[in-house]
PDB file of N, CA and C in Angstrom:
ATOM      1  N   MET A   1      10.689   9.140  -1.738  1.00  0.00           N
ATOM      2  CA  MET A   1      11.045   8.638  -3.199  1.00  0.00           C
ATOM      3  C   MET A   1      10.264   7.283  -3.247  1.00  0.00           C
ATOM      4  N   LYS A   2      10.411   6.240  -2.357  1.00  0.00           N
ATOM      5  CA  LYS A   2       9.587   5.001  -2.418  1.00  0.00           C
ATOM      6  C   LYS A   2       8.225   5.399  -2.743  1.00  0.00           C
ATOM      7  N   ALA A   3       7.429   6.182  -2.104  1.00  0.00           N
ATOM      8  CA  ALA A   3       5.985   6.553  -2.310  1.00  0.00           C
ATOM      9  C   ALA A   3       5.933   6.808  -3.746  1.00  0.00           C
ATOM     10  N   GLY A   4       6.763   7.891  -4.321  1.00  0.00           N
ATOM     11  CA  GLY A   4       6.733   8.262  -5.938  1.00  0.00           C
ATOM     12  C   GLY A   4       6.700   6.742  -6.853  1.00  0.00           C
ATOM     13  N   GLU A   5       7.918   5.815  -6.512  1.00  0.00           N
ATOM     14  CA  GLU A   5       7.971   4.360  -7.320  1.00  0.00           C
ATOM     15  C   GLU A   5       6.586   4.002  -7.068  1.00  0.00           C
ATOM     16  N   LYS A   6       5.892   3.817  -5.893  1.00  0.00           N
ATOM     17  CA  LYS A   6       4.881   3.017  -5.734  1.00  0.00           C
ATOM     18  C   LYS A   6       3.818   3.317  -6.545  1.00  0.00           C
ATOM     19  N   LYS A   7       3.447   4.776  -6.566  1.00  0.00           N
ATOM     20  CA  LYS A   7       2.856   5.453  -7.192  1.00  0.00           C
ATOM     21  C   LYS A   7       2.976   5.331  -8.716  1.00  0.00           C
ATOM     22  N   CYS A   8       3.952   5.188  -9.373  1.00  0.00           N
ATOM     23  CA  CYS A   8       4.229   4.930 -10.528  1.00  0.00           C
ATOM     24  C   CYS A   8       3.726   3.545 -10.898  1.00  0.00           C
ATOM     25  N   LYS A   9       3.941   2.284 -10.120  1.00  0.00           N
ATOM     26  CA  LYS A   9       3.945   1.060 -10.289  1.00  0.00           C
ATOM     27  C   LYS A   9       2.360   0.710 -10.294  1.00  0.00           C
ATOM     28  N   TYR A  10       1.614   1.794  -9.306  1.00  0.00           N
ATOM     29  CA  TYR A  10      -0.029   1.365  -9.412  1.00  0.00           C
ATOM     30  C   TYR A  10      -0.797   2.092  -9.511  1.00  0.00           C
ATOM     31  N   ARG A  11      -0.320   3.111 -10.889  1.00  0.00           N
ATOM     32  CA  ARG A  11      -0.961   4.063 -11.341  1.00  0.00           C
ATOM     33  C   ARG A  11      -2.347   3.729 -11.779  1.00  0.00           C
ATOM     34  N   GLY A  12      -3.341   4.442 -11.244  1.00  0.00           N
ATOM     35  CA  GLY A  12      -4.758   4.149 -11.547  1.00  0.00           C
ATOM     36  C   GLY A  12      -5.442   3.531 -10.705  1.00  0.00           C
ATOM     37  N   SER A  13      -4.545   2.664  -9.840  1.00  0.00           N
ATOM     38  CA  SER A  13      -5.272   1.599  -8.626  1.00  0.00           C
ATOM     39  C   SER A  13      -5.210   2.239  -7.147  1.00  0.00           C
ATOM     40  N   LEU A  14      -4.211   2.784  -6.968  1.00  0.00           N
ATOM     41  CA  LEU A  14      -3.835   3.065  -5.588  1.00  0.00           C
ATOM     42  C   LEU A  14      -3.605   4.711  -5.805  1.00  0.00           C
ATOM     43  N   SER A  15      -4.163   5.480  -4.741  1.00  0.00           N
ATOM     44  CA  SER A  15      -3.745   7.036  -4.314  1.00  0.00           C
ATOM     45  C   SER A  15      -2.367   7.055  -3.967  1.00  0.00           C
ATOM     46  N   LEU A  16      -2.164   8.330  -3.919  1.00  0.00           N
ATOM     47  CA  LEU A  16      -1.037   8.711  -3.231  1.00  0.00           C
ATOM     48  C   LEU A  16      -0.662   8.286  -2.004  1.00  0.00           C
ATOM     49  N   ALA A  17      -1.930   8.628  -0.998  1.00  0.00           N
ATOM     50  CA  ALA A  17      -1.858   8.056   0.306  1.00  0.00           C
ATOM     51  C   ALA A  17      -1.603   6.830   0.758  1.00  0.00           C
ATOM     52  N   ASP A  18      -2.193   6.202  -0.148  1.00  0.00           N
ATOM     53  CA  ASP A  18      -2.185   4.526   0.000  1.00  0.00           C
ATOM     54  C   ASP A  18      -0.742   4.204  -0.221  1.00  0.00           C
ATOM     55  N   CYS A  19      -0.113   4.798  -1.570  1.00  0.00           N
ATOM     56  CA  CYS A  19       1.417   4.683  -1.961  1.00  0.00           C
ATOM     57  C   CYS A  19       2.373   4.962  -0.633  1.00  0.00           C
ATOM     58  N   PHE A  20       2.086   6.179   0.270  1.00  0.00           N
ATOM     59  CA  PHE A  20       2.675   6.447   1.302  1.00  0.00           C
ATOM     60  C   PHE A  20       2.708   5.339   2.231  1.00  0.00           C
ATOM     61  N   ALA A  21       1.350   4.817   2.566  1.00  0.00           N
ATOM     62  CA  ALA A  21       1.340   4.081   3.593  1.00  0.00           C
ATOM     63  C   ALA A  21       2.052   2.637   3.247  1.00  0.00           C
ATOM     64  N   LEU A  22       2.006   2.089   1.837  1.00  0.00           N
ATOM     65  CA  LEU A  22       2.443   1.061   1.390  1.00  0.00           C
ATOM     66  C   LEU A  22       4.285   1.379   1.632  1.00  0.00           C
ATOM     67  N   ALA A  23       4.772   2.492   1.069  1.00  0.00           N
ATOM     68  CA  ALA A  23       5.942   2.771   1.157  1.00  0.00           C
ATOM     69  C   ALA A  23       6.864   2.520   2.875  1.00  0.00           C
ATOM     70  N   LEU A  24       5.814   3.239   3.794  1.00  0.00           N
ATOM     71  CA  LEU A  24       6.172   3.167   4.971  1.00  0.00           C
ATOM     72  C   LEU A  24       6.098   2.020   5.615  1.00  0.00           C
ATOM     73  N   ALA A  25       5.251   1.191   5.516  1.00  0.00           N
ATOM     74  CA  ALA A  25       5.056  -0.148   5.625  1.00  0.00           C
ATOM     75  C   ALA A  25       6.226  -1.145   5.402  1.00  0.00           C
ATOM     76  N   GLU A  26       6.596  -0.947   4.166  1.00  0.00           N
ATOM     77  CA  GLU A  26       8.020  -1.802   3.550  1.00  0.00           C
ATOM     78  C   GLU A  26       9.207  -1.426   4.397  1.00  0.00           C
ATOM     79  N   VAL A  27       9.363   0.230   4.518  1.00  0.00           N
ATOM     80  CA  VAL A  27      10.430   0.514   4.933  1.00  0.00           C
ATOM     81  C   VAL A  27      10.771  -0.027   6.733  1.00  0.00           C
ATOM     82  N   LYS A  28       9.407   0.003   7.227  1.00  0.00           N
ATOM     83  CA  LYS A  28       9.220  -0.387   8.638  1.00  0.00           C
ATOM     84  C   LYS A  28       9.161  -1.983   8.889  1.00  0.00           C
ATOM     85  N   GLU A  29       9.000  -2.665   7.810  1.00  0.00           N
ATOM     86  CA  GLU A  29       8.701  -4.154   7.895  1.00  0.00           C
ATOM     87  C   GLU A  29       7.420  -4.515   8.616  1.00  0.00           C
ATOM     88  N   ALA A  30       6.270  -3.461   8.240  1.00  0.00           N
ATOM     89  CA  ALA A  30       5.119  -3.930   9.215  1.00  0.00           C
ATOM     90  C   ALA A  30       4.372  -4.149   8.455  1.00  0.00           C
ATOM     91  N   THR A  31       3.062  -4.387   9.207  1.00  0.00           N
ATOM     92  CA  THR A  31       1.958  -4.929   8.582  1.00  0.00           C
ATOM     93  C   THR A  31       0.950  -3.892   8.294  1.00  0.00           C
ATOM     94  N   LEU A  32       0.575  -3.871   7.004  1.00  0.00           N
ATOM     95  CA  LEU A  32      -0.296  -2.513   6.770  1.00  0.00           C
ATOM     96  C   LEU A  32      -1.666  -2.864   6.982  1.00  0.00           C
ATOM     97  N   LEU A  33      -2.687  -2.189   7.613  1.00  0.00           N
ATOM     98  CA  LEU A  33      -3.875  -2.590   7.964  1.00  0.00           C
ATOM     99  C   LEU A  33      -4.743  -1.452   7.234  1.00  0.00           C
ATOM    100  N   THR A  34      -5.765  -2.270   6.343  1.00  0.00           N
ATOM    101  CA  THR A  34      -6.482  -1.521   5.437  1.00  0.00           C
ATOM    102  C   THR A  34      -8.199  -1.808   5.129  1.00  0.00           C
ATOM    103  N   THR A  35      -8.970  -0.996   4.825  1.00  0.00           N
ATOM    104  CA  THR A  35     -10.131  -1.210   4.247  1.00  0.00           C
ATOM    105  C   THR A  35     -10.490  -1.405   2.873  1.00  0.00           C
ATOM    106  N   ASP A  36      -9.280  -0.795   2.470  1.00  0.00           N
ATOM    107  CA  ASP A  36      -9.103  -0.718   0.646  1.00  0.00           C
ATOM    108  C   ASP A  36      -9.103  -1.922   0.098  1.00  0.00           C
ATOM    109  N   SER A  37      -9.744  -2.534  -0.658  1.00  0.00           N
ATOM    110  CA  SER A  37      -9.682  -3.509  -1.421  1.00  0.00           C
ATOM    111  C   SER A  37      -8.465  -3.757  -2.370  1.00  0.00           C
ATOM    112  N   GLU A  38      -8.350  -2.614  -2.933  1.00  0.00           N
ATOM    113  CA  GLU A  38      -7.152  -2.573  -4.076  1.00  0.00           C
ATOM    114  C   GLU A  38      -5.769  -2.637  -3.264  1.00  0.00           C
ATOM    115  N   LEU A  39      -5.958  -1.924  -2.088  1.00  0.00           N
ATOM    116  CA  LEU A  39      -4.629  -1.901  -1.433  1.00  0.00           C
ATOM    117  C   LEU A  39      -4.205  -3.321  -0.822  1.00  0.00           C
ATOM    118  N   ALA A  40      -5.305  -3.879  -0.743  1.00  0.00           N
ATOM    119  CA  ALA A  40      -4.922  -5.218   0.192  1.00  0.00           C
ATOM    120  C   ALA A  40      -4.652  -6.414  -0.984  1.00  0.00           C
ATOM    121  N   LYS A  41      -4.681  -5.983  -2.167  1.00  0.00           N
ATOM    122  CA  LYS A  41      -4.134  -6.878  -3.386  1.00  0.00           C
ATOM    123  C   LYS A  41      -2.495  -6.768  -3.701  1.00  0.00           C
ATOM    124  N   VAL A  42      -1.675  -5.761  -2.958  1.00  0.00           N
ATOM    125  CA  VAL A  42      -0.437  -5.652  -3.024  1.00  0.00           C
ATOM    126  C   VAL A  42       0.455  -6.839  -2.502  1.00  0.00           C
ATOM    127  N   ARG A  43       1.614  -7.211  -2.646  1.00  0.00           N
ATOM    128  CA  ARG A  43       2.238  -8.152  -2.434  1.00  0.00           C
ATOM    129  C   ARG A  43       3.647  -8.042  -1.622  1.00  0.00           C
ATOM    130  N   GLU A  44       4.108  -6.582  -1.749  1.00  0.00           N
ATOM    131  CA  GLU A  44       5.427  -6.200  -1.407  1.00  0.00           C
ATOM    132  C   GLU A  44       5.311  -6.303   0.067  1.00  0.00           C
ATOM    133  N   VAL A  45       4.176  -5.977   0.816  1.00  0.00           N
ATOM    134  CA  VAL A  45       4.178  -6.110   2.408  1.00  0.00           C
ATOM    135  C   VAL A  45       2.853  -6.902   2.727  1.00  0.00           C
ATOM    136  N   THR A  46       3.094  -7.321   4.089  1.00  0.00           N
ATOM    137  CA  THR A  46       1.874  -8.319   4.849  1.00  0.00           C
ATOM    138  C   THR A  46       0.712  -7.165   4.763  1.00  0.00           C
ATOM    139  N   VAL A  47      -0.246  -7.609   4.220  1.00  0.00           N
ATOM    140  CA  VAL A  47      -1.653  -6.635   4.411  1.00  0.00           C
ATOM    141  C   VAL A  47      -2.712  -7.505   5.175  1.00  0.00           C
ATOM    142  N   LYS A  48      -3.162  -6.658   6.225  1.00  0.00           N
ATOM    143  CA  LYS A  48      -4.471  -7.340   6.719  1.00  0.00           C
ATOM    144  C   LYS A  48      -5.739  -6.306   6.491  1.00  0.00           C
ATOM    145  N   HIS A  49      -6.623  -7.024   5.666  1.00  0.00           N
ATOM    146  CA  HIS A  49      -7.604  -6.269   5.063  1.00  0.00           C
ATOM    147  C   HIS A  49      -8.921  -6.487   6.200  1.00  0.00           C
ATOM    148  N   PHE A  50      -9.767  -5.525   6.221  1.00  0.00           N
ATOM    149  CA  PHE A  50     -10.647  -5.294   7.036  1.00  0.00           C
ATOM    150  C   PHE A  50     -12.089  -4.941   6.284  1.00  0.00           C
ATOM    151  N   SER A  51     -12.978  -5.801   5.869  1.00  0.00           N
ATOM    152  CA  SER A  51     -14.081  -5.669   5.188  1.00  0.00           C
ATOM    153  C   SER A  51     -15.237  -4.642   5.867  1.00  0.00           C
ATOM    154  N   VAL A  52     -15.598  -3.889   5.304  1.00  0.00           N
ATOM    155  CA  VAL A  52     -16.467  -2.946   6.041  1.00  0.00           C
ATOM    156  C   VAL A  52     -17.944  -2.966   5.347  1.00  0.00           C
TER     157      VAL A  52
END
């Protein structure tokens, strides 16, 4: 359910897979590790962005 809410909120900028990762990090209170610059912009969780 949370992933669907995130997809609605970030429609057009995040994929459904990104939204699942975001929702899981939020539920588990985890840091989200990503190379996706759009995903790095979210503020609901702590995000660690790795540029490639």
